[in-house]
C-alpha atoms as a PDB file:
ATOM      1  CA  UNK A   1     -33.975  22.766  41.249  1.00  0.00           C
ATOM      2  CA  UNK A   2     -34.141  23.944  44.837  1.00  0.00           C
ATOM      3  CA  UNK A   3     -34.623  20.349  45.970  1.00  0.00           C
ATOM      4  CA  UNK A   4     -31.439  19.327  44.154  1.00  0.00           C
ATOM      5  CA  UNK A   5     -29.510  22.165  45.799  1.00  0.00           C
ATOM      6  CA  UNK A   6     -30.750  21.183  49.231  1.00  0.00           C
ATOM      7  CA  UNK A   7     -30.149  17.542  48.423  1.00  0.00           C
ATOM      8  CA  UNK A   8     -26.480  18.058  47.579  1.00  0.00           C
ATOM      9  CA  UNK A   9     -25.349  18.505  51.183  1.00  0.00           C
ATOM     10  CA  UNK A  10     -27.215  15.347  52.123  1.00  0.00           C
ATOM     11  CA  UNK A  11     -25.655  13.460  49.231  1.00  0.00           C
ATOM     12  CA  UNK A  12     -22.227  14.775  50.224  1.00  0.00           C
ATOM     13  CA  UNK A  13     -22.834  13.512  53.745  1.00  0.00           C
ATOM     14  CA  UNK A  14     -23.815  10.120  52.395  1.00  0.00           C
ATOM     15  CA  UNK A  15     -20.714  10.164  50.194  1.00  0.00           C
ATOM     16  CA  UNK A  16     -18.448  11.077  53.064  1.00  0.00           C
ATOM     17  CA  UNK A  17     -19.848   8.148  55.019  1.00  0.00           C
ATOM     18  CA  UNK A  18     -19.356   5.643  52.468  1.00  0.00           C
ATOM     19  CA  UNK A  19     -22.430   8.843  48.002  1.00  0.00           C
ATOM     20  CA  UNK A  20     -27.635  11.811  40.965  1.00  0.00           C
ATOM     21  CA  UNK A  21     -35.651  21.186  27.184  1.00  0.00           C
ATOM     22  CA  UNK A  22     -38.805  20.864  27.410  1.00  0.00           C
ATOM     23  CA  UNK A  23     -40.345  17.928  25.654  1.00  0.00           C
ATOM     24  CA  UNK A  24     -43.916  17.077  24.999  1.00  0.00           C
ATOM     25  CA  UNK A  25     -45.707  14.369  23.558  1.00  0.00           C
ATOM     26  CA  UNK A  26     -28.012  -1.132  43.557  1.00  0.00           C
ATOM     27  CA  UNK A  27     -24.793   0.164  44.187  1.00  0.00           C
ATOM     28  CA  UNK A  28     -22.407  -0.141  41.275  1.00  0.00           C
ATOM     29  CA  UNK A  29     -23.628  -1.667  38.076  1.00  0.00           C
ATOM     30  CA  UNK A  30     -23.886  -5.274  39.119  1.00  0.00           C
ATOM     31  CA  UNK A  31     -22.795  -7.043  36.003  1.00  0.00           C
ATOM     32  CA  UNK A  32     -26.106  -6.391  34.312  1.00  0.00           C
ATOM     33  CA  UNK A  33     -25.949  -6.392  30.559  1.00  0.00           C
ATOM     34  CA  UNK A  34     -26.248  -3.065  28.712  1.00  0.00           C
ATOM     35  CA  UNK A  35     -29.855  -2.112  28.151  1.00  0.00           C
ATOM     36  CA  UNK A  36     -31.135  -4.309  31.000  1.00  0.00           C
ATOM     37  CA  UNK A  37     -33.756  -2.485  33.048  1.00  0.00           C
ATOM     38  CA  UNK A  38     -33.399  -1.909  36.788  1.00  0.00           C
ATOM     39  CA  UNK A  39     -35.663   0.263  38.951  1.00  0.00           C
ATOM     40  CA  UNK A  40     -33.947   2.771  41.233  1.00  0.00           C
ATOM     41  CA  UNK A  41     -35.172   4.548  44.331  1.00  0.00           C
ATOM     42  CA  UNK A  42     -33.236   7.410  45.930  1.00  0.00           C
ATOM     43  CA  UNK A  43     -31.382   5.058  48.281  1.00  0.00           C
ATOM     44  CA  UNK A  44     -30.063   3.030  45.338  1.00  0.00           C
ATOM     45  CA  UNK A  45     -28.974   6.223  43.571  1.00  0.00           C
ATOM     46  CA  UNK A  46     -27.095   7.394  46.672  1.00  0.00           C
ATOM     47  CA  UNK A  47     -25.313   4.027  46.903  1.00  0.00           C
ATOM     48  CA  UNK A  48     -24.465   4.219  43.211  1.00  0.00           C
ATOM     49  CA  UNK A  49     -22.938   7.674  43.680  1.00  0.00           C
ATOM     50  CA  UNK A  50     -21.015   6.520  46.746  1.00  0.00           C
ATOM     51  CA  UNK A  51     -19.371   3.838  44.651  1.00  0.00           C
ATOM     52  CA  UNK A  52     -18.214   6.495  42.154  1.00  0.00           C
ATOM     53  CA  UNK A  53     -16.829   9.061  44.579  1.00  0.00           C
ATOM     54  CA  UNK A  54     -13.165   9.819  44.093  1.00  0.00           C
ATOM     55  CA  UNK A  55     -12.837   8.054  40.791  1.00  0.00           C
ATOM     56  CA  UNK A  56     -15.518   8.536  38.180  1.00  0.00           C
ATOM     57  CA  UNK A  57     -17.308  11.369  36.511  1.00  0.00           C
ATOM     58  CA  UNK A  58     -21.048  10.631  36.441  1.00  0.00           C
ATOM     59  CA  UNK A  59     -23.516  11.711  33.755  1.00  0.00           C
ATOM     60  CA  UNK A  60     -27.197  11.241  34.518  1.00  0.00           C
ATOM     61  CA  UNK A  61     -29.946  11.866  31.978  1.00  0.00           C
ATOM     62  CA  UNK A  62     -33.602  11.844  32.976  1.00  0.00           C
ATOM     63  CA  UNK A  63     -35.680  10.939  29.941  1.00  0.00           C
ATOM     64  CA  UNK A  64     -38.717   9.013  28.669  1.00  0.00           C
ATOM     65  CA  UNK A  65     -39.514   6.782  25.719  1.00  0.00           C
ATOM     66  CA  UNK A  66     -42.345   9.090  24.568  1.00  0.00           C
ATOM     67  CA  UNK A  67     -40.062  12.149  24.386  1.00  0.00           C
ATOM     68  CA  UNK A  68     -38.672  12.864  20.886  1.00  0.00           C
ATOM     69  CA  UNK A  69     -35.899  15.144  22.196  1.00  0.00           C
ATOM     70  CA  UNK A  70     -34.826  12.444  24.652  1.00  0.00           C
ATOM     71  CA  UNK A  71     -34.530   9.902  21.864  1.00  0.00           C
ATOM     72  CA  UNK A  72     -32.350  12.395  19.971  1.00  0.00           C
ATOM     73  CA  UNK A  73     -29.979  12.594  22.946  1.00  0.00           C
ATOM     74  CA  UNK A  74     -29.548   8.815  23.345  1.00  0.00           C
ATOM     75  CA  UNK A  75     -27.084   8.418  20.419  1.00  0.00           C
ATOM     76  CA  UNK A  76     -24.998  11.282  21.843  1.00  0.00           C
ATOM     77  CA  UNK A  77     -24.754   9.466  25.161  1.00  0.00           C
ATOM     78  CA  UNK A  78     -23.875   6.249  23.338  1.00  0.00           C
ATOM     79  CA  UNK A  79     -21.006   8.117  21.629  1.00  0.00           C
ATOM     80  CA  UNK A  80     -19.783   9.255  25.046  1.00  0.00           C
ATOM     81  CA  UNK A  81     -20.067   5.675  26.343  1.00  0.00           C
ATOM     82  CA  UNK A  82     -17.933   4.500  23.402  1.00  0.00           C
ATOM     83  CA  UNK A  83     -15.282   7.173  24.021  1.00  0.00           C
ATOM     84  CA  UNK A  84     -14.889   6.936  27.805  1.00  0.00           C
ATOM     85  CA  UNK A  85     -14.216   3.663  29.628  1.00  0.00           C
ATOM     86  CA  UNK A  86     -16.521   2.698  32.476  1.00  0.00           C
ATOM     87  CA  UNK A  87     -13.764   3.343  35.023  1.00  0.00           C
ATOM     88  CA  UNK A  88     -13.693   7.028  33.937  1.00  0.00           C
ATOM     89  CA  UNK A  89     -17.348   7.806  33.156  1.00  0.00           C
ATOM     90  CA  UNK A  90     -20.464   6.395  34.751  1.00  0.00           C
ATOM     91  CA  UNK A  91     -23.402   7.044  32.465  1.00  0.00           C
ATOM     92  CA  UNK A  92     -26.962   6.545  33.709  1.00  0.00           C
ATOM     93  CA  UNK A  93     -30.056   6.963  31.557  1.00  0.00           C
ATOM     94  CA  UNK A  94     -32.909   7.176  34.076  1.00  0.00           C
ATOM     95  CA  UNK A  95     -36.353   6.855  32.553  1.00  0.00           C
ATOM     96  CA  UNK A  96     -39.376   8.562  34.048  1.00  0.00           C
ATOM     97  CA  UNK A  97     -41.725   6.312  32.071  1.00  0.00           C
ATOM     98  CA  UNK A  98     -44.748   5.184  34.060  1.00  0.00           C
ATOM     99  CA  UNK A  99     -44.315   1.460  33.530  1.00  0.00           C
ATOM    100  CA  UNK A 100     -41.487  -1.018  33.069  1.00  0.00           C
ATOM    101  CA  UNK A 101     -43.456  -2.476  30.155  1.00  0.00           C
ATOM    102  CA  UNK A 102     -43.151   0.761  28.154  1.00  0.00           C
ATOM    103  CA  UNK A 103     -39.439   0.858  28.787  1.00  0.00           C
ATOM    104  CA  UNK A 104     -39.002  -2.847  28.044  1.00  0.00           C
ATOM    105  CA  UNK A 105     -40.803  -2.500  24.712  1.00  0.00           C
ATOM    106  CA  UNK A 106     -38.633   0.486  23.810  1.00  0.00           C
ATOM    107  CA  UNK A 107     -35.419  -1.367  24.652  1.00  0.00           C
ATOM    108  CA  UNK A 108     -36.500  -4.308  22.513  1.00  0.00           C
ATOM    109  CA  UNK A 109     -37.145  -2.043  19.529  1.00  0.00           C
ATOM    110  CA  UNK A 110     -34.072   0.122  20.105  1.00  0.00           C
ATOM    111  CA  UNK A 111     -31.273  -1.676  21.960  1.00  0.00           C
ATOM    112  CA  UNK A 112     -28.668   0.516  23.632  1.00  0.00           C
ATOM    113  CA  UNK A 113     -25.183   0.257  25.085  1.00  0.00           C
ATOM    114  CA  UNK A 114     -26.235   2.478  27.991  1.00  0.00           C
ATOM    115  CA  UNK A 115     -27.119   1.469  31.523  1.00  0.00           C
ATOM    116  CA  UNK A 116     -30.849   2.206  31.533  1.00  0.00           C
ATOM    117  CA  UNK A 117     -32.819   2.530  34.751  1.00  0.00           C
ATOM    118  CA  UNK A 118     -36.453   3.136  35.594  1.00  0.00           C
ATOM    119  CA  UNK A 119     -36.961   5.868  38.176  1.00  0.00           C
ATOM    120  CA  UNK A 120     -39.225   5.525  41.151  1.00  0.00           C
ATOM    121  CA  UNK A 121     -41.105   8.784  41.745  1.00  0.00           C
ATOM    122  CA  UNK A 122     -38.819   9.903  44.577  1.00  0.00           C
ATOM    123  CA  UNK A 123     -35.713  10.091  42.378  1.00  0.00           C
ATOM    124  CA  UNK A 124     -37.029  12.565  39.805  1.00  0.00           C
ATOM    125  CA  UNK A 125     -38.724  14.660  42.469  1.00  0.00           C
ATOM    126  CA  UNK A 126     -35.581  14.793  44.661  1.00  0.00           C
ATOM    127  CA  UNK A 127     -33.658  16.078  41.658  1.00  0.00           C
ATOM    128  CA  UNK A 128     -36.330  18.642  40.908  1.00  0.00           C
ATOM    129  CA  UNK A 129     -36.902  17.298  37.398  1.00  0.00           C
ATOM    130  CA  UNK A 130     -39.551  19.502  35.770  1.00  0.00           C
ATOM    131  CA  UNK A 131     -38.845  18.833  32.089  1.00  0.00           C
ATOM    132  CA  UNK A 132     -36.978  16.248  30.073  1.00  0.00           C
ATOM    133  CA  UNK A 133     -34.438  15.530  28.876  1.00  0.00           C
ATOM    134  CA  UNK A 134     -32.365  16.906  31.726  1.00  0.00           C
ATOM    135  CA  UNK A 135     -28.670  16.207  32.185  1.00  0.00           C
ATOM    136  CA  UNK A 136     -26.594  16.260  35.343  1.00  0.00           C
ATOM    137  CA  UNK A 137     -22.838  15.820  35.202  1.00  0.00           C
ATOM    138  CA  UNK A 138     -21.108  15.231  38.521  1.00  0.00           C
ATOM    139  CA  UNK A 139     -17.370  15.548  39.012  1.00  0.00           C
ATOM    140  CA  UNK A 140     -15.242  12.852  40.618  1.00  0.00           C
ATOM    141  CA  UNK A 141     -16.168  14.129  44.069  1.00  0.00           C
ATOM    142  CA  UNK A 142     -19.908  14.027  43.386  1.00  0.00           C
ATOM    143  CA  UNK A 143     -20.374  17.776  42.959  1.00  0.00           C
ATOM    144  CA  UNK A 144     -22.724  18.977  40.210  1.00  0.00           C
ATOM    145  CA  UNK A 145     -20.609  20.440  37.400  1.00  0.00           C
ATOM    146  CA  UNK A 146     -23.383  20.699  34.788  1.00  0.00           C
ATOM    147  CA  UNK A 147     -27.166  20.727  35.140  1.00  0.00           C
ATOM    148  CA  UNK A 148     -29.453  21.683  32.302  1.00  0.00           C
ATOM    149  CA  UNK A 149     -32.553  20.652  30.401  1.00  0.00           C
ATOM    150  CA  UNK A 150     -32.368  20.194  26.674  1.00  0.00           C
ATOM    151  CA  UNK A 151     -30.474  18.364  23.967  1.00  0.00           C
ATOM    152  CA  UNK A 152     -26.730  18.890  23.672  1.00  0.00           C
ATOM    153  CA  UNK A 153     -24.302  17.918  20.901  1.00  0.00           C
ATOM    154  CA  UNK A 154     -21.546  15.392  21.497  1.00  0.00           C
ATOM    155  CA  UNK A 155     -18.771  17.999  21.180  1.00  0.00           C
ATOM    156  CA  UNK A 156     -20.197  20.180  23.938  1.00  0.00           C
ATOM    157  CA  UNK A 157     -20.724  17.328  26.389  1.00  0.00           C
ATOM    158  CA  UNK A 158     -17.368  15.790  25.479  1.00  0.00           C
ATOM    159  CA  UNK A 159     -15.657  19.092  26.262  1.00  0.00           C
ATOM    160  CA  UNK A 160     -17.214  19.225  29.748  1.00  0.00           C
ATOM    161  CA  UNK A 161     -16.541  15.560  30.497  1.00  0.00           C
ATOM    162  CA  UNK A 162     -12.957  15.553  29.215  1.00  0.00           C
ATOM    163  CA  UNK A 163     -12.052  18.409  31.568  1.00  0.00           C
ATOM    164  CA  UNK A 164     -13.638  16.626  34.526  1.00  0.00           C
ATOM    165  CA  UNK A 165     -11.985  13.293  33.696  1.00  0.00           C
ATOM    166  CA  UNK A 166      -8.556  15.030  33.532  1.00  0.00           C
ATOM    167  CA  UNK A 167      -9.124  16.930  36.787  1.00  0.00           C
END
């Protein structure tokens, strides 16, 4: 997590110029349909965050198709997507799967309403992701308000997000 802490000032700088438990086993969304796969590098994530600054709360989940706990969290995020309009909550499910084929096969077997992305190696490492699923919730100004590994119930995440959306 030390990388994420040292990354925050850099992300804040980028934002100001124009600004992302254990489990075993572009800029703004560009009109892509829900569940369509796009690969993100750190530059694309920074642009995505820049587009949200000052207006949207952002929830980012790092996950993988082979992770049972991650798959448990997906319906919770879909509930949040259904509750909060896209102009209030940006929700990104960033997969750390090794190949786009694995992710594509998963999305065919289990369609989702979420914006799903495939992470290039730099994104997960810049965030200091060590286990999945891991959730980051950023306030409207791009500051990390919540950061934790594990699976969380809808009510808990809704409570955090509703306060940030109001503020």
